[in-house]
Amino acid sequence: MALQWLSLVATMWLQSINGANSDFSAYSSELKRILSISQLRLNNLASASDAGKLLGWISGIAAAHFPLWLVLLIGSLLDLVGYGLQFLFLTNRISLSYWHFFVLTFLSGNGICWINTVCYIVAIRNFPLDRQIAVSLSTSYVGLSAKLYTDIVDVVAPTSAVERAKVFLLLNSVLPLIVCTVAAPLARDVDGGKPRKLTRGFSTMIVITILTGLFAVVTSLGSVGSRFTPRCVVLVGMIVVLFLPLVVPLVERIREKLQQKCLITVHDEGFATMENGEKSSDVQRDVVEIGVVEEIGAKMMVRRVEFWLYFFVYLFGATLGLVYLNNLGQIAESRGCSGISSLVSLSSAFGFFGRLLPSLVDYFFPDQTLFE
C-alpha cells in the first residue's frame, strides 16, 4: 500500500511542473518586444501550445506499447527541445524566426500530453476504486505550475524583464526533465493486491491538498507575498508543501512494519478501511463493475453522452480561460499594473482549486451523479 501512495505522490510532483505553458503570460511582453511581433501573432504563438495537444493521442498509443518511464522521458525531452531552443535564442546563441518559435511551442505543448498520460494511467491502475479522486488530486497540481515557476524566478531574477524571460524558458526546459527522472521509478504500476476503498488515506490527502492551495493563494497576493514575506521563504514554503503528501505513504509504511513485527493480521487495512457492514463480496462485485465501465473501446466511447458533454465543455469553456491566461501579461500592462508575477501566481493558485473542487463534490457526494 505504501508504494501505491508513493506512486500517487509522484504523479502530483509530475503535474506540478507539467503546466509550463501556463507561465507564458509572465514573459510574453518581453517575447513580443524581442521578436518585434504584433499582438495577433503573439496570441497565435500562445495558442500553439494548446494546438500541440491535438496530437496528444500519440502519447496514448505509445503508453500501450512502451514502458511508462520511456513515455515520461519522451515528454520531458519534447519540453527540453521546445523551450530549450527558445532559451538559446534569447541568449543570442542561435537565430530563430517567428515560425520556428511557433513550431517549438507546438512541440512543447505536445510534451505535456505525454506526462499527463503517465499520470492518468498510474492513478487509474493503482487506485481502481478511487480513480476519480486519485486522478483529480493529481491533475489539480498542474494548477500550481505557474506559481512554482514564478516563485523560482522571483528569487533568481527579481527585477530584470529580460533575465526573467530567460529564466522562465530555462526552467520550462530543464525542470520537467529533472522531475521526470526523479519520479520515473515511482510512477509505475503497483500490485497492491485486492482493490480496496482507501477512505482514510484520501481524506488525509485532501486536507494536505487544501492546505497547499491555501498557502499558494496567500503567498500569491502581492501585499502579502512581497511586503511581509521574503521571496526565498515563499519558495522554500512552496517546496515544503509539495513534499507534504509524503506523510501518507510514510505512515502507511510504518503501519506495515508494525504489522510485520507483531505478526498481526488485520482486515481493515488502516488507511484502506471499509465502511462498517460492507462485505468483501460487495467489494469484489464493485471491482468487476468498475472494470466493465472503465474498459471501453473508442467506438463505444463516442456513443456516450458524457464524452461529448466533456468534449464541448472543454472545447468552449476551457478555451476562454486559456485566452485570458495567455493574455494576462498584456492585460496587466495595459492597465498599468507592474505586479504581473503576482497576478500569474494568483491565477495559478485559484486554478488549482478550480481543478480540485469538482472532485471533492464527487468524492463527498458520490450518489449525486448527473448520469445514472
Protein backbone atom coordinates (compact mmCIF):
# COMPACT_ATOMS: atom_id res chain seq x y z
CA MET A 1 0.00 0.00 0.00
CA ALA A 2 2.85 2.40 0.74
CA LEU A 3 4.12 2.03 -2.82
CA GLN A 4 0.66 2.81 -4.16
CA TRP A 5 0.52 6.05 -2.22
CA LEU A 6 4.08 6.85 -3.27
CA SER A 7 3.08 6.47 -6.93
CA LEU A 8 0.26 8.99 -6.39
CA VAL A 9 2.69 11.45 -4.78
CA ALA A 10 4.97 11.01 -7.80
CA THR A 11 2.12 11.98 -10.17
CA MET A 12 1.47 15.08 -8.05
CA TRP A 13 5.09 16.13 -8.45
CA LEU A 14 4.96 15.46 -12.17
CA GLN A 15 1.82 17.53 -12.60
CA SER A 16 3.21 20.39 -10.55
CA ILE A 17 5.84 21.01 -13.24
CA ASN A 18 3.72 19.93 -16.22
CA GLY A 19 1.95 23.26 -16.74
CA ALA A 20 4.97 25.12 -18.08
CA ASN A 21 2.79 26.73 -20.75
CA SER A 22 0.73 28.45 -18.05
CA ASP A 23 3.58 30.87 -17.23
CA PHE A 24 3.62 32.24 -20.80
CA SER A 25 1.91 35.48 -19.80
CA ALA A 26 4.68 36.20 -17.28
CA TYR A 27 7.22 36.74 -20.08
CA SER A 28 5.03 37.27 -23.16
CA SER A 29 5.51 41.04 -23.20
CA GLU A 30 9.27 40.68 -23.34
CA LEU A 31 8.97 37.99 -26.01
CA LYS A 32 6.76 40.29 -28.07
CA ARG A 33 9.36 43.03 -27.87
CA ILE A 34 12.31 40.80 -28.76
CA LEU A 35 10.56 39.17 -31.73
CA SER A 36 9.00 42.51 -32.83
CA ILE A 37 5.62 40.89 -33.46
CA SER A 38 2.07 42.15 -33.25
CA GLN A 39 -0.43 41.24 -30.54
CA LEU A 40 -2.24 38.98 -33.00
CA ARG A 41 0.89 36.99 -33.76
CA LEU A 42 1.63 36.77 -30.05
CA ASN A 43 -1.84 35.30 -29.50
CA ASN A 44 -1.19 32.77 -32.25
CA LEU A 45 2.08 31.86 -30.59
CA ALA A 46 0.28 31.34 -27.27
CA SER A 47 -2.31 29.10 -28.93
CA ALA A 48 0.42 26.94 -30.50
CA SER A 49 1.00 25.22 -27.17
CA ASP A 50 -2.66 24.25 -26.94
CA ALA A 51 -2.64 23.18 -30.59
CA GLY A 52 0.17 20.76 -29.74
CA LYS A 53 -2.28 18.86 -27.56
CA LEU A 54 -4.27 17.93 -30.68
CA LEU A 55 -1.66 15.22 -31.20
CA GLY A 56 -1.89 14.08 -27.60
CA TRP A 57 -3.41 10.78 -28.71
CA ILE A 58 0.05 9.72 -29.87
CA SER A 59 1.17 9.50 -26.24
CA GLY A 60 -1.75 7.17 -25.50
CA ILE A 61 -0.69 4.81 -28.27
CA ALA A 62 2.92 4.98 -27.06
CA ALA A 63 1.88 4.15 -23.48
CA ALA A 64 0.19 0.98 -24.74
CA HIS A 65 3.44 -0.29 -26.26
CA PHE A 66 6.27 1.27 -24.26
CA PRO A 67 7.15 1.37 -20.54
CA LEU A 68 5.87 4.36 -18.62
CA TRP A 69 9.34 5.64 -17.80
CA LEU A 70 10.07 5.92 -21.52
CA VAL A 71 6.83 7.84 -22.12
CA LEU A 72 7.85 10.25 -19.34
CA LEU A 73 11.29 10.65 -20.86
CA ILE A 74 9.87 11.45 -24.30
CA GLY A 75 7.53 14.07 -22.85
CA SER A 76 10.30 15.77 -20.91
CA LEU A 77 12.61 15.72 -23.94
CA LEU A 78 9.94 17.45 -26.03
CA ASP A 79 9.87 20.20 -23.39
CA LEU A 80 13.66 20.31 -23.35
CA VAL A 81 13.86 20.82 -27.11
CA GLY A 82 10.84 23.12 -27.41
CA TYR A 83 11.70 25.54 -24.62
CA GLY A 84 15.46 24.94 -24.66
CA LEU A 85 15.93 26.25 -28.20
CA GLN A 86 13.84 29.30 -27.33
CA PHE A 87 16.11 29.91 -24.36
CA LEU A 88 19.19 29.67 -26.58
CA PHE A 89 17.62 32.27 -28.88
CA LEU A 90 17.11 34.72 -26.02
CA THR A 91 20.76 34.24 -25.00
CA ASN A 92 21.84 35.04 -28.59
CA ARG A 93 23.35 31.60 -29.17
CA ILE A 94 21.11 30.68 -32.10
CA SER A 95 18.86 32.50 -34.57
CA LEU A 96 15.15 31.67 -34.83
CA SER A 97 12.28 33.08 -36.83
CA TYR A 98 8.70 33.54 -35.65
CA TRP A 99 7.64 30.29 -37.28
CA HIS A 100 10.48 28.45 -35.56
CA PHE A 101 9.05 29.71 -32.28
CA PHE A 102 5.59 28.57 -33.33
CA VAL A 103 6.74 25.01 -34.11
CA LEU A 104 8.81 24.77 -30.93
CA THR A 105 5.88 25.96 -28.82
CA PHE A 106 3.65 23.40 -30.56
CA LEU A 107 6.23 20.71 -29.75
CA SER A 108 6.46 21.61 -26.07
CA GLY A 109 2.66 21.71 -25.83
CA ASN A 110 2.55 18.14 -27.07
CA GLY A 111 5.11 17.14 -24.43
CA ILE A 112 2.56 17.99 -21.74
CA CYS A 113 0.30 15.23 -23.04
CA TRP A 114 2.96 12.55 -22.60
CA ILE A 115 3.43 13.36 -18.92
CA ASN A 116 -0.34 13.66 -18.44
CA THR A 117 -0.87 10.22 -19.93
CA VAL A 118 1.51 8.58 -17.48
CA CYS A 119 -0.12 10.34 -14.51
CA TYR A 120 -3.61 9.22 -15.58
CA ILE A 121 -2.52 5.61 -16.14
CA VAL A 122 -0.77 5.36 -12.78
CA ALA A 123 -3.67 6.91 -10.84
CA ILE A 124 -6.34 4.76 -12.52
CA ARG A 125 -4.47 1.45 -12.34
CA ASN A 126 -3.17 1.82 -8.80
CA PHE A 127 -6.44 3.16 -7.35
CA PRO A 128 -9.23 1.38 -9.29
CA LEU A 129 -11.93 2.01 -6.65
CA ASP A 130 -10.92 5.63 -6.06
CA ARG A 131 -9.75 6.50 -9.54
CA GLN A 132 -11.81 9.71 -9.81
CA ILE A 133 -10.37 11.34 -6.72
CA ALA A 134 -6.87 9.98 -7.46
CA VAL A 135 -6.85 11.46 -10.97
CA SER A 136 -8.34 14.73 -9.79
CA LEU A 137 -5.90 15.18 -6.90
CA SER A 138 -3.02 14.56 -9.28
CA THR A 139 -4.40 16.82 -12.03
CA SER A 140 -5.11 19.69 -9.63
CA TYR A 141 -1.38 20.09 -9.03
CA VAL A 142 -0.85 21.24 -12.61
CA GLY A 143 -2.55 24.44 -11.43
CA LEU A 144 0.49 25.10 -9.24
CA SER A 145 2.97 25.06 -12.13
CA ALA A 146 2.88 28.77 -12.91
CA LYS A 147 3.03 29.54 -9.18
CA LEU A 148 6.07 27.31 -8.67
CA TYR A 149 7.93 28.61 -11.72
CA THR A 150 7.18 32.22 -10.81
CA ASP A 151 8.40 31.73 -7.22
CA ILE A 152 11.71 30.38 -8.53
CA VAL A 153 12.11 33.25 -11.00
CA ASP A 154 11.29 35.80 -8.28
CA VAL A 155 14.28 34.52 -6.32
CA VAL A 156 16.72 34.12 -9.21
CA ALA A 157 15.85 37.19 -11.31
CA PRO A 158 13.56 39.51 -9.35
CA THR A 159 13.87 42.71 -11.42
CA SER A 160 15.22 42.42 -14.98
CA ALA A 161 12.47 41.61 -17.50
CA VAL A 162 14.96 40.11 -19.98
CA GLU A 163 16.59 37.91 -17.39
CA ARG A 164 13.20 36.78 -16.07
CA ALA A 165 12.16 35.70 -19.56
CA LYS A 166 15.38 33.71 -19.92
CA VAL A 167 14.95 32.01 -16.55
CA PHE A 168 11.32 31.12 -17.31
CA LEU A 169 12.30 29.41 -20.55
CA LEU A 170 15.27 27.69 -18.91
CA LEU A 171 13.05 26.30 -16.13
CA ASN A 172 10.38 25.25 -18.63
CA SER A 173 13.01 23.23 -20.48
CA VAL A 174 15.05 21.55 -17.74
CA LEU A 175 12.75 21.24 -14.71
CA PRO A 176 10.36 18.70 -16.33
CA LEU A 177 13.34 16.52 -17.29
CA ILE A 178 14.76 16.65 -13.77
CA VAL A 179 11.46 15.84 -12.05
CA CYS A 180 10.57 13.12 -14.58
CA THR A 181 13.94 11.48 -13.97
CA VAL A 182 13.38 11.52 -10.21
CA ALA A 183 9.73 10.42 -10.35
CA ALA A 184 10.05 7.75 -13.08
CA PRO A 185 10.95 4.88 -10.68
CA LEU A 186 7.92 5.76 -8.52
CA ALA A 187 5.32 6.47 -11.23
CA ARG A 188 4.60 2.87 -12.18
CA ASP A 189 2.04 0.12 -11.81
CA VAL A 190 1.99 -1.26 -8.27
CA ASP A 191 0.48 -4.59 -7.33
CA GLY A 192 -1.49 -3.73 -4.22
CA GLY A 193 -3.44 -6.98 -4.04
CA LYS A 194 -7.21 -6.93 -4.00
CA PRO A 195 -8.54 -3.41 -4.68
CA ARG A 196 -9.98 -1.66 -1.62
CA LYS A 197 -11.55 1.68 -0.81
CA LEU A 198 -8.85 3.93 0.66
CA THR A 199 -11.08 6.34 2.53
CA ARG A 200 -8.84 7.48 5.35
CA GLY A 201 -5.76 7.92 3.17
CA PHE A 202 -7.60 10.07 0.66
CA SER A 203 -9.14 12.14 3.42
CA THR A 204 -5.63 12.95 4.60
CA MET A 205 -4.52 13.71 1.05
CA ILE A 206 -7.46 16.07 0.56
CA VAL A 207 -6.61 18.00 3.73
CA ILE A 208 -2.98 18.32 2.62
CA THR A 209 -4.06 19.42 -0.85
CA ILE A 210 -6.39 22.10 0.50
CA LEU A 211 -3.64 23.42 2.78
CA THR A 212 -1.30 23.52 -0.19
CA GLY A 213 -3.81 25.54 -2.19
CA LEU A 214 -4.40 27.98 0.66
CA PHE A 215 -0.66 28.52 1.02
CA ALA A 216 -0.38 29.17 -2.71
CA VAL A 217 -3.22 31.71 -2.68
CA VAL A 218 -2.00 33.61 0.39
CA THR A 219 1.59 33.87 -0.82
CA SER A 220 0.43 34.93 -4.29
CA LEU A 221 -1.27 38.06 -3.02
CA GLY A 222 1.04 40.96 -3.83
CA SER A 223 0.65 42.70 -0.47
CA VAL A 224 1.43 39.52 1.44
CA GLY A 225 3.97 37.82 -0.78
CA SER A 226 6.29 40.76 -1.41
CA ARG A 227 5.85 43.12 1.51
CA PHE A 228 5.85 40.82 4.53
CA THR A 229 7.40 37.56 3.33
CA PRO A 230 10.83 37.27 1.65
CA ARG A 231 10.70 35.61 -1.76
CA CYS A 232 13.09 32.85 -0.74
CA VAL A 233 10.88 31.96 2.23
CA VAL A 234 7.87 31.68 -0.08
CA LEU A 235 9.82 29.38 -2.41
CA VAL A 236 11.01 27.16 0.45
CA GLY A 237 7.47 27.00 1.80
CA MET A 238 6.17 26.01 -1.63
CA ILE A 239 8.68 23.18 -1.85
CA VAL A 240 7.77 22.01 1.66
CA VAL A 241 4.04 21.79 0.90
CA LEU A 242 4.82 19.81 -2.26
CA PHE A 243 6.55 17.25 -0.05
CA LEU A 244 3.71 17.11 2.49
CA PRO A 245 1.83 14.30 0.65
CA LEU A 246 4.73 12.01 1.56
CA VAL A 247 3.16 11.84 5.02
CA VAL A 248 0.57 9.34 3.76
CA PRO A 249 2.94 6.70 2.31
CA LEU A 250 5.28 7.21 5.27
CA VAL A 251 2.55 6.48 7.80
CA GLU A 252 1.36 3.54 5.73
CA ARG A 253 4.90 2.15 5.62
CA ILE A 254 5.24 2.45 9.40
CA ARG A 255 1.92 0.66 9.83
CA GLU A 256 3.06 -2.16 7.56
CA LYS A 257 6.31 -2.55 9.50
CA LEU A 258 4.44 -2.70 12.81
CA GLN A 259 2.13 -5.37 11.43
CA GLN A 260 5.04 -7.46 10.22
CA LYS A 261 6.85 -7.10 13.52
CA CYS A 262 3.88 -8.05 15.66
CA LEU A 263 2.66 -10.72 13.20
CA ILE A 264 -0.83 -9.25 13.35
CA THR A 265 -3.28 -9.87 10.55
CA VAL A 266 -5.80 -7.13 10.15
CA HIS A 267 -8.68 -6.81 7.75
CA ASP A 268 -9.40 -3.10 7.96
CA GLU A 269 -6.02 -2.02 6.43
CA GLY A 270 -5.57 1.30 8.31
CA PHE A 271 -5.78 3.85 5.52
CA ALA A 272 -7.78 1.33 3.46
CA THR A 273 -10.80 0.94 5.75
CA MET A 274 -14.16 -0.21 4.54
CA GLU A 275 -17.46 1.04 5.84
CA ASN A 276 -19.00 -0.96 8.68
CA GLY A 277 -21.15 -3.75 7.43
CA GLU A 278 -19.71 -3.78 3.92
CA LYS A 279 -18.97 -7.31 2.88
CA SER A 280 -15.96 -8.40 0.89
CA SER A 281 -18.24 -9.86 -1.76
CA ASP A 282 -19.65 -6.37 -2.31
CA VAL A 283 -16.13 -5.04 -2.83
CA GLN A 284 -15.38 -7.78 -5.35
CA ARG A 285 -18.61 -7.03 -7.18
CA ASP A 286 -17.65 -3.33 -7.30
CA VAL A 287 -14.27 -4.25 -8.81
CA VAL A 288 -15.97 -6.20 -11.58
CA GLU A 289 -18.42 -3.39 -12.26
CA ILE A 290 -15.70 -0.83 -12.41
CA GLY A 291 -13.72 -2.96 -14.77
CA VAL A 292 -16.68 -3.10 -17.15
CA VAL A 293 -17.23 0.66 -17.06
CA GLU A 294 -13.58 1.54 -17.37
CA GLU A 295 -12.51 -0.80 -20.18
CA ILE A 296 -14.47 0.54 -23.15
CA GLY A 297 -13.40 0.95 -26.74
CA ALA A 298 -13.24 4.12 -28.82
CA LYS A 299 -16.41 3.28 -30.77
CA MET A 300 -18.43 2.86 -27.59
CA MET A 301 -16.89 5.98 -26.07
CA VAL A 302 -18.04 8.29 -28.90
CA ARG A 303 -21.58 6.99 -28.44
CA ARG A 304 -21.68 8.16 -24.84
CA VAL A 305 -23.36 11.47 -23.98
CA GLU A 306 -20.83 12.05 -21.21
CA PHE A 307 -17.95 12.02 -23.70
CA TRP A 308 -19.48 14.70 -25.94
CA LEU A 309 -20.54 16.78 -22.97
CA TYR A 310 -16.97 16.75 -21.70
CA PHE A 311 -15.63 17.42 -25.22
CA PHE A 312 -17.72 20.53 -25.85
CA VAL A 313 -17.36 21.89 -22.32
CA TYR A 314 -13.60 21.59 -22.62
CA LEU A 315 -13.64 22.99 -26.18
CA PHE A 316 -15.67 26.10 -25.41
CA GLY A 317 -15.21 26.51 -21.65
CA ALA A 318 -11.51 25.88 -21.10
CA THR A 319 -10.59 27.89 -24.19
CA LEU A 320 -11.94 31.07 -22.59
CA GLY A 321 -9.74 30.56 -19.57
CA LEU A 322 -6.70 29.87 -21.76
CA VAL A 323 -7.26 33.07 -23.76
CA TYR A 324 -7.41 35.04 -20.51
CA LEU A 325 -4.31 33.40 -19.01
CA ASN A 326 -2.27 33.71 -22.19
CA ASN A 327 -3.04 37.44 -22.37
CA LEU A 328 -2.82 38.17 -18.65
CA GLY A 329 0.52 39.93 -19.07
CA GLN A 330 -0.86 42.18 -21.80
CA ILE A 331 -3.99 42.91 -19.76
CA ALA A 332 -1.94 43.89 -16.71
CA GLU A 333 0.41 46.01 -18.82
CA SER A 334 -2.47 47.87 -20.47
CA ARG A 335 -3.90 48.69 -17.03
CA GLY A 336 -0.56 49.99 -15.78
CA CYS A 337 -0.11 47.10 -13.35
CA SER A 338 3.50 46.20 -12.58
CA GLY A 339 2.83 43.12 -10.49
CA ILE A 340 2.36 40.67 -13.37
CA SER A 341 4.08 37.87 -11.46
CA SER A 342 1.63 38.20 -8.58
CA LEU A 343 -1.30 38.00 -10.99
CA VAL A 344 0.14 34.93 -12.71
CA SER A 345 0.75 33.22 -9.37
CA LEU A 346 -2.70 34.14 -8.08
CA SER A 347 -4.48 32.87 -11.18
CA SER A 348 -2.41 29.69 -10.94
CA ALA A 349 -3.35 29.17 -7.29
CA PHE A 350 -7.07 29.65 -7.92
CA GLY A 351 -6.79 27.38 -10.95
CA PHE A 352 -5.54 24.74 -8.54
CA PHE A 353 -8.77 24.98 -6.53
CA GLY A 354 -10.82 25.08 -9.72
CA ARG A 355 -9.46 21.70 -10.74
CA LEU A 356 -9.85 20.27 -7.24
CA LEU A 357 -13.38 21.40 -6.36
CA PRO A 358 -15.38 19.14 -8.74
CA SER A 359 -13.58 16.05 -7.46
CA LEU A 360 -14.32 16.99 -3.86
CA VAL A 361 -18.02 17.28 -4.66
CA ASP A 362 -17.95 13.90 -6.39
CA TYR A 363 -15.97 12.31 -3.54
CA PHE A 364 -18.11 13.54 -0.67
CA PHE A 365 -21.44 13.26 -2.51
CA PRO A 366 -20.96 10.11 -4.62
CA ASP A 367 -24.68 9.43 -5.02
CA GLN A 368 -25.46 12.83 -6.52
CA THR A 369 -24.39 11.93 -10.05
CA LEU A 370 -25.50 13.59 -13.23
CA PHE A 371 -25.74 10.38 -15.23
CA GLU A 372 -27.13 7.17 -13.75
